[in-house]
Protein backbone atom coordinates (compact mmCIF):
# COMPACT_ATOMS: atom_id res chain seq x y z
CA MET A 1 -21.93 43.87 15.34
CA GLU A 2 -20.63 41.18 12.97
CA THR A 3 -17.22 41.97 11.51
CA PHE A 4 -16.49 41.87 7.78
CA GLN A 5 -14.29 38.83 8.35
CA ALA A 6 -17.10 37.01 10.17
CA GLN A 7 -19.65 37.97 7.50
CA LEU A 8 -17.44 36.74 4.67
CA THR A 9 -16.63 33.52 6.54
CA ARG A 10 -20.35 32.90 7.02
CA LYS A 11 -21.02 33.60 3.32
CA LEU A 12 -18.19 31.26 2.34
CA SER A 13 -19.64 28.53 4.56
CA ASP A 14 -23.04 28.96 2.86
CA ALA A 15 -21.41 28.77 -0.58
CA LEU A 16 -19.47 25.62 0.28
CA SER A 17 -22.66 24.02 1.54
CA SER A 18 -24.52 24.99 -1.65
CA ALA A 19 -21.68 23.53 -3.73
CA GLY A 20 -21.83 20.28 -1.78
CA LEU A 21 -18.44 20.87 -0.20
CA PRO A 22 -17.38 20.71 3.46
CA PHE A 23 -16.31 23.79 5.41
CA ALA A 24 -12.59 24.40 4.92
CA GLY A 25 -11.33 27.33 6.97
CA GLU A 26 -12.11 30.94 7.72
CA VAL A 27 -11.64 33.99 5.54
CA THR A 28 -8.49 35.89 6.58
CA PRO A 29 -7.11 39.37 5.81
CA THR A 30 -4.80 39.47 2.80
CA THR A 31 -1.11 40.09 3.38
CA ASP A 32 -0.89 42.13 0.17
CA PRO A 33 -3.58 44.79 -0.53
CA ARG A 34 -3.07 44.29 -4.29
CA PHE A 35 -5.13 41.11 -3.88
CA GLY A 36 -7.99 42.80 -2.04
CA ASP A 37 -8.89 42.95 1.64
CA TYR A 38 -9.65 39.33 2.55
CA GLN A 39 -8.97 35.91 1.06
CA SER A 40 -9.71 32.24 1.49
CA ASN A 41 -7.57 29.20 0.68
CA ALA A 42 -10.56 26.86 1.03
CA ALA A 43 -10.29 25.72 -2.59
CA MET A 44 -6.64 24.76 -2.14
CA VAL A 45 -7.39 22.80 1.05
CA LEU A 46 -10.27 20.95 -0.59
CA ALA A 47 -8.30 20.30 -3.78
CA LYS A 48 -5.53 18.62 -1.80
CA GLN A 49 -8.06 16.48 0.06
CA ARG A 50 -9.91 15.49 -3.11
CA GLY A 51 -7.05 15.36 -5.62
CA GLU A 52 -8.71 17.99 -7.83
CA ASN A 53 -7.66 21.23 -9.53
CA PRO A 54 -7.66 24.15 -7.00
CA PRO A 55 -8.70 26.97 -9.41
CA LYS A 56 -11.60 24.86 -10.70
CA ILE A 57 -12.86 24.24 -7.17
CA ALA A 58 -12.40 27.94 -6.44
CA GLU A 59 -14.56 28.89 -9.45
CA ARG A 60 -17.18 26.41 -8.29
CA ILE A 61 -17.25 28.04 -4.84
CA VAL A 62 -17.32 31.58 -6.26
CA SER A 63 -20.34 30.70 -8.41
CA LYS A 64 -22.27 30.05 -5.19
CA LEU A 65 -20.96 33.05 -3.23
CA ASP A 66 -23.44 35.83 -2.46
CA VAL A 67 -21.46 38.76 -1.07
CA ALA A 68 -23.13 41.56 -3.01
CA GLY A 69 -23.78 43.74 0.05
CA ILE A 70 -20.24 43.45 1.37
CA SER A 71 -17.71 42.87 -1.37
CA GLU A 72 -17.03 43.43 -5.04
CA PRO A 73 -17.40 40.21 -7.06
CA PRO A 74 -14.83 37.72 -5.64
CA SER A 75 -11.86 36.81 -7.83
CA VAL A 76 -9.74 33.70 -8.11
CA ALA A 77 -6.00 34.24 -8.13
CA GLY A 78 -2.77 32.28 -8.11
CA ALA A 79 -2.99 28.68 -7.05
CA GLY A 80 -6.66 29.01 -6.13
CA PHE A 81 -7.04 31.83 -3.61
CA ILE A 82 -10.48 33.45 -3.45
CA ASN A 83 -10.01 37.19 -2.94
CA PHE A 84 -12.53 39.72 -1.61
CA THR A 85 -12.41 43.51 -1.94
CA LEU A 86 -14.80 45.39 0.34
CA LYS A 87 -17.28 47.77 -1.25
CA ARG A 88 -16.74 51.41 -0.40
CA GLU A 89 -20.42 51.75 0.56
CA ALA A 90 -20.16 48.82 2.99
CA VAL A 91 -17.15 50.43 4.69
CA GLU A 92 -18.91 53.80 4.91
CA LYS A 93 -21.90 52.14 6.54
CA ARG A 94 -19.70 50.29 9.03
CA ILE A 95 -17.82 53.48 10.00
CA ALA A 96 -21.16 55.17 10.67
CA GLU A 97 -22.10 52.23 12.93
CA LEU A 98 -18.77 52.33 14.79
CA LEU A 99 -19.33 56.01 15.42
CA HIS A 100 -22.04 55.10 17.94
CA ASP A 101 -20.48 51.94 19.41
CA GLU A 102 -18.56 52.40 22.67
CA ARG A 103 -16.87 49.03 22.10
CA LEU A 104 -15.67 50.08 18.63
CA GLY A 105 -17.14 46.95 17.09
CA VAL A 106 -15.57 44.44 19.49
CA ALA A 107 -18.10 41.81 20.55
CA THR A 108 -17.99 40.04 23.90
CA ASP A 109 -17.17 36.34 23.88
CA SER A 110 -20.25 34.15 23.53
CA SER A 111 -18.73 31.60 25.95
CA PRO A 112 -17.26 33.64 28.83
CA LYS A 113 -14.74 31.88 31.06
CA LYS A 114 -13.86 32.21 34.73
CA ILE A 115 -10.15 32.89 34.53
CA VAL A 116 -7.44 33.31 37.14
CA VAL A 117 -4.27 34.95 35.78
CA ASP A 118 -1.07 34.23 37.74
CA PHE A 119 1.53 36.87 36.86
CA GLY A 120 4.24 39.04 38.36
CA SER A 121 5.13 36.97 41.42
CA PRO A 122 8.11 38.83 42.92
CA ASN A 123 10.00 37.46 45.91
CA VAL A 124 9.65 38.96 49.39
CA ALA A 125 12.77 40.66 50.82
CA LYS A 126 14.15 41.15 47.32
CA PRO A 127 13.71 44.11 44.93
CA MET A 128 11.62 43.82 41.80
CA HIS A 129 13.95 43.87 38.82
CA VAL A 130 14.07 43.77 35.02
CA GLY A 131 13.32 40.04 35.13
CA HIS A 132 9.80 40.83 36.37
CA ILE A 133 8.98 43.00 33.34
CA ARG A 134 7.68 40.37 30.97
CA SER A 135 5.42 38.46 33.37
CA THR A 136 3.98 41.68 34.83
CA PHE A 137 3.33 43.49 31.53
CA LEU A 138 2.11 40.43 29.63
CA GLY A 139 -0.12 39.19 32.46
CA ASP A 140 -1.66 42.62 32.98
CA ALA A 141 -2.38 43.09 29.25
CA LEU A 142 -3.90 39.61 28.87
CA ALA A 143 -6.10 40.21 31.92
CA ARG A 144 -7.27 43.56 30.50
CA ILE A 145 -8.08 42.06 27.11
CA ALA A 146 -9.84 39.01 28.58
CA GLU A 147 -11.94 41.27 30.80
CA PHE A 148 -12.82 43.52 27.84
CA LEU A 149 -13.98 40.45 25.93
CA GLY A 150 -16.40 39.58 28.73
CA HIS A 151 -14.48 36.97 30.72
CA ASP A 152 -14.61 36.92 34.52
CA VAL A 153 -10.98 37.56 35.51
CA ILE A 154 -9.16 37.30 38.84
CA ARG A 155 -5.58 38.64 38.88
CA ASP A 156 -3.50 36.71 41.43
CA ASN A 157 -0.04 37.75 42.59
CA HIS A 158 1.56 34.49 43.78
CA VAL A 159 4.44 36.15 45.65
CA GLY A 160 7.43 34.19 46.89
CA ASP A 161 6.99 34.73 50.62
CA TRP A 162 8.23 31.40 52.02
CA GLY A 163 11.34 29.28 51.76
CA THR A 164 14.84 28.63 53.01
CA GLN A 165 16.02 32.21 52.41
CA PHE A 166 14.02 33.35 55.44
CA GLY A 167 16.40 31.58 57.79
CA MET A 168 19.07 34.02 56.63
CA VAL A 169 16.76 37.04 56.63
CA ILE A 170 15.61 36.33 60.21
CA TRP A 171 19.14 35.72 61.51
CA GLY A 172 20.26 38.93 59.78
CA TRP A 173 17.30 40.80 61.25
CA LYS A 174 18.24 39.73 64.77
CA ASN A 175 22.00 40.29 64.44
CA LEU A 176 22.73 42.83 61.68
CA LEU A 177 19.67 45.04 61.17
CA ASP A 178 20.08 48.82 60.90
CA ARG A 179 16.68 50.24 61.88
CA GLU A 180 17.30 53.65 60.30
CA SER A 181 18.27 52.06 56.99
CA LEU A 182 15.15 49.90 57.21
CA LYS A 183 13.02 53.03 57.49
CA ARG A 184 14.76 54.75 54.56
CA ASP A 185 14.81 51.82 52.12
CA PRO A 186 13.30 48.59 53.50
CA ILE A 187 14.11 46.31 50.56
CA ALA A 188 17.71 47.50 50.29
CA GLU A 189 18.26 46.82 53.99
CA LEU A 190 16.66 43.37 53.78
CA VAL A 191 18.87 42.54 50.80
CA ARG A 192 21.94 43.79 52.70
CA ILE A 193 21.33 41.66 55.78
CA TYR A 194 20.55 38.63 53.61
CA LYS A 195 23.79 39.00 51.64
CA GLU A 196 25.92 39.60 54.71
CA THR A 197 24.35 36.64 56.49
CA ASN A 198 24.97 34.46 53.45
CA GLU A 199 28.62 35.49 53.36
CA ARG A 200 29.06 34.76 57.04
CA ALA A 201 27.26 31.41 56.79
CA THR A 202 29.53 30.38 53.93
CA LYS A 203 32.60 30.91 56.09
CA ASP A 204 31.32 30.07 59.57
CA GLU A 205 29.66 26.76 60.47
CA THR A 206 28.25 28.30 63.67
CA VAL A 207 26.34 30.94 61.68
CA ARG A 208 25.23 28.30 59.19
CA GLU A 209 23.71 26.20 61.97
CA ALA A 210 22.12 29.27 63.56
CA VAL A 211 20.48 30.15 60.23
CA ARG A 212 19.06 26.63 59.95
CA ALA A 213 17.74 26.88 63.50
CA GLU A 214 15.95 30.17 62.73
CA LEU A 215 14.28 28.58 59.71
CA VAL A 216 13.13 25.56 61.72
CA LYS A 217 11.70 27.87 64.38
CA LEU A 218 9.79 29.84 61.71
CA GLN A 219 8.39 26.68 60.15
CA ALA A 220 7.34 25.47 63.61
CA GLY A 221 5.40 28.69 64.23
CA ASP A 222 7.75 30.42 66.69
CA PRO A 223 5.99 33.73 67.59
CA GLU A 224 9.11 35.92 67.39
CA ASN A 225 10.28 34.55 64.03
CA PHE A 226 6.77 34.61 62.64
CA ALA A 227 6.46 38.30 63.63
CA ILE A 228 9.76 39.13 61.89
CA TRP A 229 8.66 37.20 58.78
CA LYS A 230 5.33 39.02 58.77
CA GLN A 231 7.11 42.39 58.95
CA CYS A 232 9.35 41.42 56.03
CA VAL A 233 6.31 40.46 53.96
CA GLY A 234 4.47 43.67 54.85
CA LEU A 235 7.44 45.91 54.01
CA SER A 236 7.95 44.08 50.70
CA LEU A 237 4.31 44.32 49.68
CA GLN A 238 4.39 48.07 50.39
CA GLU A 239 7.35 48.46 48.04
CA PHE A 240 5.75 46.26 45.39
CA SER A 241 2.56 48.33 45.55
CA LYS A 242 4.52 51.51 44.76
CA ALA A 243 5.85 49.92 41.57
CA TYR A 244 2.41 48.59 40.60
CA LYS A 245 0.85 52.01 41.14
CA LEU A 246 3.42 53.61 38.85
CA LEU A 247 2.82 50.90 36.26
CA ASP A 248 -1.00 51.06 36.61
CA VAL A 249 -1.09 47.33 37.40
CA HIS A 250 -3.49 45.98 39.98
CA TYR A 251 -4.23 42.59 41.51
CA ASP A 252 -7.53 41.27 42.80
CA ILE A 253 -5.87 38.93 45.29
CA VAL A 254 -2.36 38.33 46.65
CA ARG A 255 -1.90 34.69 47.63
CA GLY A 256 1.73 33.99 48.39
CA GLU A 257 3.28 30.56 48.86
CA SER A 258 2.73 30.83 52.62
CA PHE A 259 -1.04 30.96 52.09
CA TYR A 260 -0.95 27.28 51.12
CA ASN A 261 1.29 25.98 53.95
CA ASP A 262 -1.48 24.33 55.95
CA ARG A 263 -2.79 22.60 52.82
CA LEU A 264 0.47 20.87 51.86
CA PRO A 265 0.24 17.77 54.12
CA GLY A 266 -3.26 17.14 52.79
CA VAL A 267 -2.01 17.30 49.19
CA VAL A 268 0.57 14.59 49.86
CA ASP A 269 -1.87 12.38 51.78
CA ARG A 270 -4.50 12.70 49.08
CA LEU A 271 -2.15 11.77 46.24
CA LEU A 272 -0.81 8.79 48.18
CA LYS A 273 -4.32 7.52 48.97
CA LYS A 274 -5.35 7.85 45.31
CA GLY A 275 -2.29 5.90 44.23
CA LEU A 276 -1.05 8.83 42.15
CA ALA A 277 2.06 9.26 44.32
CA GLU A 278 4.49 6.73 45.76
CA ILE A 279 7.39 6.67 48.18
CA SER A 280 10.79 6.46 46.52
CA GLU A 281 14.03 6.57 48.52
CA GLY A 282 12.21 8.24 51.39
CA ALA A 283 10.64 10.96 49.25
CA VAL A 284 7.04 11.10 48.00
CA CYS A 285 6.99 11.34 44.20
CA VAL A 286 4.57 11.36 41.30
CA PHE A 287 5.97 9.45 38.33
CA PHE A 288 4.98 9.97 34.68
CA ARG A 289 6.25 6.73 33.18
CA ASP A 290 3.74 6.86 30.31
CA ILE A 291 4.82 10.33 29.13
CA PRO A 292 8.17 10.16 27.27
CA GLU A 293 9.37 13.70 28.04
CA LEU A 294 8.53 13.29 31.75
CA ALA A 295 9.38 9.62 32.17
CA GLU A 296 12.74 10.31 33.82
CA LYS A 297 11.57 13.40 35.70
CA PRO A 298 9.22 12.64 38.60
CA ALA A 299 7.64 15.44 40.62
CA ILE A 300 8.83 15.35 44.23
CA ILE A 301 5.99 16.51 46.47
CA ARG A 302 7.62 15.70 49.82
CA LYS A 303 11.35 15.52 50.26
CA SER A 304 13.06 12.72 52.16
CA ASP A 305 13.60 15.10 55.10
CA GLY A 306 9.83 15.71 55.29
CA GLY A 307 9.92 19.18 53.69
CA PHE A 308 7.66 20.35 50.90
CA ASN A 309 8.61 22.24 47.73
CA TYR A 310 7.26 24.27 44.81
CA ALA A 311 5.45 21.30 43.28
CA THR A 312 3.47 20.67 46.47
CA SER A 313 2.60 24.35 46.79
CA ASP A 314 1.53 24.61 43.14
CA ILE A 315 -0.72 21.55 43.40
CA ALA A 316 -2.39 23.18 46.42
CA THR A 317 -2.69 26.40 44.40
CA VAL A 318 -4.48 24.57 41.59
CA ASP A 319 -6.89 23.08 44.16
CA TYR A 320 -7.61 26.51 45.62
CA ARG A 321 -8.17 28.20 42.28
CA ILE A 322 -10.55 25.54 41.00
CA ASN A 323 -12.44 24.66 44.17
CA ASP A 324 -12.35 27.86 46.26
CA LEU A 325 -12.21 30.53 43.54
CA LYS A 326 -14.45 28.45 41.24
CA ARG A 327 -12.27 29.07 38.19
CA ASP A 328 -12.50 26.96 35.03
CA THR A 329 -9.44 28.46 33.32
CA LEU A 330 -5.97 28.87 34.84
CA TRP A 331 -3.30 31.01 33.12
CA TYR A 332 0.27 30.99 34.43
CA VAL A 333 2.34 33.82 32.94
CA VAL A 334 5.72 32.44 33.96
CA GLY A 335 9.08 32.20 32.17
CA ALA A 336 9.93 29.43 29.71
CA PRO A 337 12.38 27.65 32.09
CA GLN A 338 9.37 26.52 34.14
CA THR A 339 7.74 24.69 31.21
CA LEU A 340 8.59 21.19 32.49
CA HIS A 341 7.40 22.06 36.00
CA PHE A 342 3.97 23.15 34.79
CA LYS A 343 3.61 20.12 32.54
CA GLN A 344 4.03 18.02 35.69
CA ILE A 345 1.57 20.10 37.75
CA PHE A 346 -1.10 20.14 35.04
CA GLU A 347 -0.72 16.41 34.44
CA ILE A 348 -1.20 15.70 38.15
CA ALA A 349 -4.35 17.83 38.16
CA ARG A 350 -5.71 15.96 35.14
CA ARG A 351 -4.99 12.61 36.80
CA GLU A 352 -7.01 13.83 39.75
CA GLY A 353 -9.91 14.45 37.39
CA GLU A 354 -9.74 18.24 37.13
CA LYS A 355 -11.37 19.54 33.92
CA ALA A 356 -10.09 23.10 34.00
CA ASP A 357 -8.27 24.62 31.02
CA PHE A 358 -4.62 24.88 32.15
CA ARG A 359 -2.29 27.20 30.25
CA HIS A 360 1.34 27.95 30.89
CA ILE A 361 2.11 31.18 29.02
CA PRO A 362 5.92 31.26 28.76
CA PHE A 363 8.10 34.09 27.46
CA GLY A 364 11.69 34.89 26.50
CA ASN A 365 14.29 37.12 28.12
CA VAL A 366 15.10 40.82 28.21
CA LEU A 367 18.67 41.30 26.95
CA GLY A 368 21.17 44.10 27.34
CA GLU A 369 22.93 45.78 24.42
CA ASN A 370 25.53 42.97 24.57
CA ARG A 371 22.73 40.48 23.82
CA LYS A 372 23.17 38.83 27.21
CA LEU A 373 20.74 38.89 30.15
CA MET A 374 20.34 42.50 31.24
CA LYS A 375 22.51 43.10 34.32
CA THR A 376 24.12 45.98 36.19
CA ARG A 377 27.90 46.48 35.95
CA SER A 378 28.30 44.52 39.17
CA GLY A 379 26.48 41.59 37.54
CA GLU A 380 23.15 41.91 39.36
CA ASN A 381 19.65 42.22 37.91
CA VAL A 382 18.72 45.81 37.05
CA PRO A 383 16.25 47.05 39.72
CA LEU A 384 12.83 47.82 38.25
CA HIS A 385 12.64 51.11 40.18
CA ASP A 386 15.89 52.33 38.58
CA LEU A 387 14.77 51.27 35.12
CA LEU A 388 11.42 53.06 35.35
CA LYS A 389 13.00 56.17 36.82
CA GLU A 390 15.47 56.25 33.92
CA ALA A 391 12.62 55.85 31.40
CA ILE A 392 10.74 58.83 32.86
CA THR A 393 13.89 60.99 33.06
CA ARG A 394 14.79 60.29 29.43
CA ALA A 395 11.22 60.95 28.29
CA GLU A 396 11.13 64.26 30.18
CA LYS A 397 14.32 65.40 28.43
CA ILE A 398 12.83 64.62 25.00
CA ILE A 399 9.57 66.41 25.87
CA ALA A 400 11.43 69.49 27.15
CA GLU A 401 13.29 69.73 23.84
CA LYS A 402 10.18 69.11 21.73
CA ASN A 403 7.74 71.34 23.66
CA PRO A 404 9.49 73.81 26.01
CA GLU A 405 6.19 75.69 26.49
CA LEU A 406 4.81 73.02 28.82
CA SER A 407 4.66 73.74 32.53
CA GLU A 408 6.83 71.59 34.80
CA PRO A 409 3.91 69.63 36.37
CA GLU A 410 2.44 68.93 32.92
CA ARG A 411 5.85 67.94 31.54
CA LYS A 412 6.45 65.53 34.42
CA GLU A 413 3.03 63.91 34.06
CA ILE A 414 3.48 63.50 30.30
CA ALA A 415 7.01 62.13 30.83
CA LYS A 416 5.60 59.45 33.13
CA ILE A 417 3.02 58.44 30.51
CA ILE A 418 5.57 58.41 27.69
CA GLY A 419 8.39 56.73 29.64
CA ILE A 420 6.31 53.95 31.21
CA GLY A 421 4.42 53.43 27.96
CA ALA A 422 7.66 53.11 26.00
CA VAL A 423 9.00 50.37 28.29
CA LYS A 424 5.71 48.45 28.24
CA TYR A 425 5.24 48.69 24.48
CA ALA A 426 8.82 47.64 23.73
CA ASP A 427 8.02 44.41 25.57
CA LEU A 428 4.44 43.77 24.44
CA SER A 429 5.13 44.48 20.76
CA GLN A 430 7.51 41.48 20.65
CA TYR A 431 6.35 37.92 20.17
CA ARG A 432 6.41 36.68 23.76
CA MET A 433 8.82 33.79 23.13
CA THR A 434 11.41 36.05 21.47
CA ASP A 435 14.35 37.40 23.46
CA TYR A 436 14.67 41.12 22.79
CA VAL A 437 17.36 43.75 23.31
CA PHE A 438 16.41 46.56 25.68
CA SER A 439 17.33 49.78 23.86
CA TRP A 440 16.43 53.23 25.22
CA ASP A 441 16.96 54.92 21.85
CA LYS A 442 14.64 52.55 20.01
CA MET A 443 11.84 52.43 22.56
CA LEU A 444 11.67 56.21 23.05
CA ALA A 445 11.91 57.08 19.33
CA LEU A 446 9.11 59.15 17.85
CA HIS A 447 9.32 57.12 14.63
CA GLY A 448 8.94 53.39 14.08
CA ASN A 449 6.96 50.80 15.99
CA THR A 450 7.12 52.48 19.42
CA ALA A 451 4.67 53.74 22.02
CA PRO A 452 5.76 57.41 21.53
CA TYR A 453 4.97 57.12 17.81
CA LEU A 454 1.47 55.82 18.55
CA GLN A 455 0.94 58.34 21.36
CA ASN A 456 2.07 61.12 19.04
CA ALA A 457 -0.53 60.05 16.47
CA TYR A 458 -3.20 60.35 19.15
CA VAL A 459 -1.85 63.76 20.24
CA ARG A 460 -1.93 64.97 16.63
CA ILE A 461 -5.58 63.94 16.40
CA ARG A 462 -6.47 65.77 19.61
CA SER A 463 -4.72 68.89 18.33
CA ILE A 464 -6.95 68.79 15.24
CA PHE A 465 -10.02 69.05 17.45
CA ARG A 466 -8.50 71.79 19.56
CA LYS A 467 -8.05 73.80 16.37
CA ALA A 468 -11.52 72.99 15.03
CA ASP A 469 -14.33 75.47 15.64
CA PRO A 470 -16.89 74.54 18.31
CA SER A 471 -19.68 73.68 15.86
CA SER A 472 -17.48 71.12 14.10
CA ALA A 473 -16.17 69.73 17.35
CA GLN A 474 -19.73 69.04 18.51
CA GLN A 475 -20.28 66.73 15.55
CA VAL A 476 -17.77 64.22 16.85
CA PHE A 477 -17.63 62.16 19.98
CA ASP A 478 -17.72 64.16 23.19
CA ARG A 479 -15.63 61.96 25.47
CA ALA A 480 -17.03 63.66 28.55
CA GLY A 481 -20.68 63.49 27.56
CA GLY A 482 -20.54 60.32 25.51
CA SER A 483 -22.77 61.66 22.72
CA ARG A 484 -22.25 61.82 18.99
CA GLN A 485 -24.24 63.59 16.33
CA GLN A 486 -24.79 61.83 13.03
CA SER A 487 -22.23 62.74 10.38
CA ALA A 488 -22.34 61.30 6.88
CA VAL A 489 -19.13 59.45 6.03
CA THR A 490 -17.82 59.60 2.48
CA LEU A 491 -14.63 57.81 1.54
CA ALA A 492 -13.69 59.36 -1.78
CA GLU A 493 -9.89 59.28 -1.47
CA PRO A 494 -7.81 56.06 -1.38
CA THR A 495 -6.17 56.98 1.94
CA GLU A 496 -9.58 57.69 3.49
CA LEU A 497 -10.81 54.26 2.43
CA GLY A 498 -7.58 52.61 3.59
CA LEU A 499 -7.82 54.21 7.03
CA ALA A 500 -11.50 53.30 7.34
CA LYS A 501 -10.82 49.65 6.45
CA CYS A 502 -8.06 49.53 9.06
CA LEU A 503 -10.43 50.93 11.70
CA CYS A 504 -12.93 48.17 10.90
CA GLN A 505 -10.29 45.52 11.65
CA PHE A 506 -9.91 46.46 15.33
CA ALA A 507 -12.86 44.22 16.21
CA GLU A 508 -11.20 41.33 14.37
CA ILE A 509 -7.79 41.79 15.98
CA VAL A 510 -8.61 42.05 19.69
CA PRO A 511 -10.11 38.54 20.12
CA GLN A 512 -7.17 37.02 18.20
CA VAL A 513 -4.74 38.10 20.93
CA LEU A 514 -5.99 35.38 23.28
CA ASN A 515 -5.68 32.60 20.68
CA ASP A 516 -1.98 32.23 21.46
CA PHE A 517 -1.59 35.00 24.05
CA ARG A 518 0.16 37.28 21.55
CA THR A 519 -0.10 40.94 22.52
CA ASN A 520 2.20 41.76 19.60
CA ILE A 521 -0.75 41.16 17.25
CA LEU A 522 -2.60 44.11 18.80
CA ALA A 523 0.58 46.23 18.99
CA ASN A 524 1.37 45.65 15.32
CA TYR A 525 -2.21 46.47 14.34
CA LEU A 526 -2.04 49.79 16.23
CA PHE A 527 1.25 50.58 14.45
CA GLU A 528 -0.39 49.89 11.08
CA LEU A 529 -3.34 52.06 12.10
CA ALA A 530 -1.04 54.95 13.01
CA ASN A 531 0.73 54.56 9.66
CA SER A 532 -2.63 54.59 7.86
CA PHE A 533 -3.65 57.71 9.75
CA HIS A 534 -0.44 59.55 8.89
CA ALA A 535 -0.83 58.61 5.21
CA PHE A 536 -4.40 59.92 5.32
CA TYR A 537 -3.36 63.08 7.19
CA GLU A 538 -0.66 63.90 4.64
CA ALA A 539 -2.93 63.31 1.65
CA CYS A 540 -6.26 64.69 2.90
CA PRO A 541 -6.69 68.15 4.46
CA VAL A 542 -9.09 67.95 7.40
CA LEU A 543 -9.90 71.39 8.79
CA LYS A 544 -9.33 73.16 5.47
CA ALA A 545 -11.51 70.73 3.51
CA GLU A 546 -14.94 71.78 2.24
CA GLU A 547 -18.08 70.21 3.63
CA PRO A 548 -19.15 67.40 3.64
CA ALA A 549 -15.55 66.10 3.36
CA ARG A 550 -14.51 68.10 6.43
CA SER A 551 -17.03 66.48 8.79
CA SER A 552 -16.40 63.04 7.29
CA ARG A 553 -12.66 63.36 7.85
CA LEU A 554 -13.21 64.58 11.39
CA VAL A 555 -15.17 61.39 12.02
CA LEU A 556 -12.24 59.32 10.73
CA CYS A 557 -9.86 61.28 12.95
CA ASP A 558 -12.09 60.81 15.97
CA LEU A 559 -12.51 57.07 15.45
CA THR A 560 -8.78 56.67 14.90
CA GLY A 561 -8.08 58.49 18.17
CA GLY A 562 -10.63 56.30 19.94
CA VAL A 563 -9.15 53.05 18.63
CA LEU A 564 -5.57 54.12 19.42
CA GLN A 565 -6.62 55.11 22.94
CA ARG A 566 -8.62 51.91 23.56
CA GLY A 567 -6.03 49.64 21.98
CA LEU A 568 -3.15 51.09 23.99
CA LYS A 569 -5.26 50.97 27.17
CA LEU A 570 -5.78 47.25 26.61
CA LEU A 571 -1.99 46.97 26.63
CA GLY A 572 -1.85 48.96 29.88
CA ILE A 573 -0.56 52.12 28.16
CA GLU A 574 -2.01 55.61 28.60
CA VAL A 575 -2.09 58.43 26.05
CA PRO A 576 -1.35 62.10 26.78
CA GLU A 577 -3.39 64.95 25.32
CA ARG A 578 -0.19 66.86 24.48
CA MET A 579 3.46 65.99 23.93
């Protein structure tokens, strides 16, 4: 199903060709509805290139434009914009088509990719915390959207399950472990023994040497230390899985750093043999002397003491994802501080001849009310478990005040949907590179650009159908049976037409998210849709309207509910039937 934007862009291309002019950009939605629904700045672009008058070129293009079945006659405005206003009949026809389209007009990508998405990546023996929010939520949403658009997606959790910290964890396990505490709260006990070991090692050289010895034994494959390490990993993954279940986040594979250990010597040997790496002061390095921003920052792939590091592991990870998983697109949803690191890794891969599409998808920070990194009073990262629990508790209190009639099980289930959704949406509705302030009051508000506001719009729509008589309800989509009866759509009122036009844009918005990995584009669209629905709902009676307006408005309500539900689901957010 070709969108209005795609149709108008195609018509513009035909007109430019007929006028003997080159293609000069797509048609885009207008920012101000006073100028119509879509516009093109093609005339202005061409005028600048050719040194001609923009309005004159615009008139020349318009004279060749044939958009009779889609738009009112195009107009030229301002410095040479070509504006299009959709015909009411064209919108009515499109709404009738969307009524029977499970994908709500969204086409699959004509060139599907094989993508691996690296996101989340918590560290073993440490709790997940607020710092994991952005990678987890953003990676999950991008994976959902890519999959919906027809791409073949593998979600990979590259957990931090190897490194020097395990010397301390293993020494603490052998000397300080409280087995009962480990049963009650595994991660808390692992953190405790790590911290206490660290404190002791700082003060006592004997402990410091013992910790180093435990690490060496682990790296050499000592059976006892390997068994302890394996238990730590298993306990951590169990705790992580509880958080992911609550968040409705899943992974297709979990390949921690340890998975690549036996590949690391081969990486170094290969790069040395190819002449891409060289020995410098005892270490093996890859230099980037021809790239100004990397010229003074070589990647060390084997330290002078013979140890490997993150760069070595990440090169091996690239190899695995391209050659073993057969991926052609690699997305790394990792914080902005790692930008330089990934530039090095991707450049090494390119020098080795890899043709995959490498993307580092960085993001900003979550801040506390003081506009500093969000921490507990003791200065530590806020545990994710505590944050999510607080979100659900606060949501349940709001729901109890708003709808005391709900049973306790129903209230708790709705609170989980509202609380988790609020935290996710507060993150995903921001441009990913922007730092944002974590505010309970803002994210749980029933007004403004929040998940509860969007969820409430959906709930209001469902309540309309609960109040409707059975014969009317059968005319709209039966979500259980998946069938719709034909209902004529008439858009007589301005708010009806405005809502219908907004519904038609869903298919244009979803693919745009992946252009720069901006989930906020979809979030902002859903907010605008909810606003359009509320304007329509206030101006146009639905159940009290006479036929055929009643059935037509029920169709608009149903499609709005479907788009809100689908759009939020793509962001990893559920909708309740009641609030």
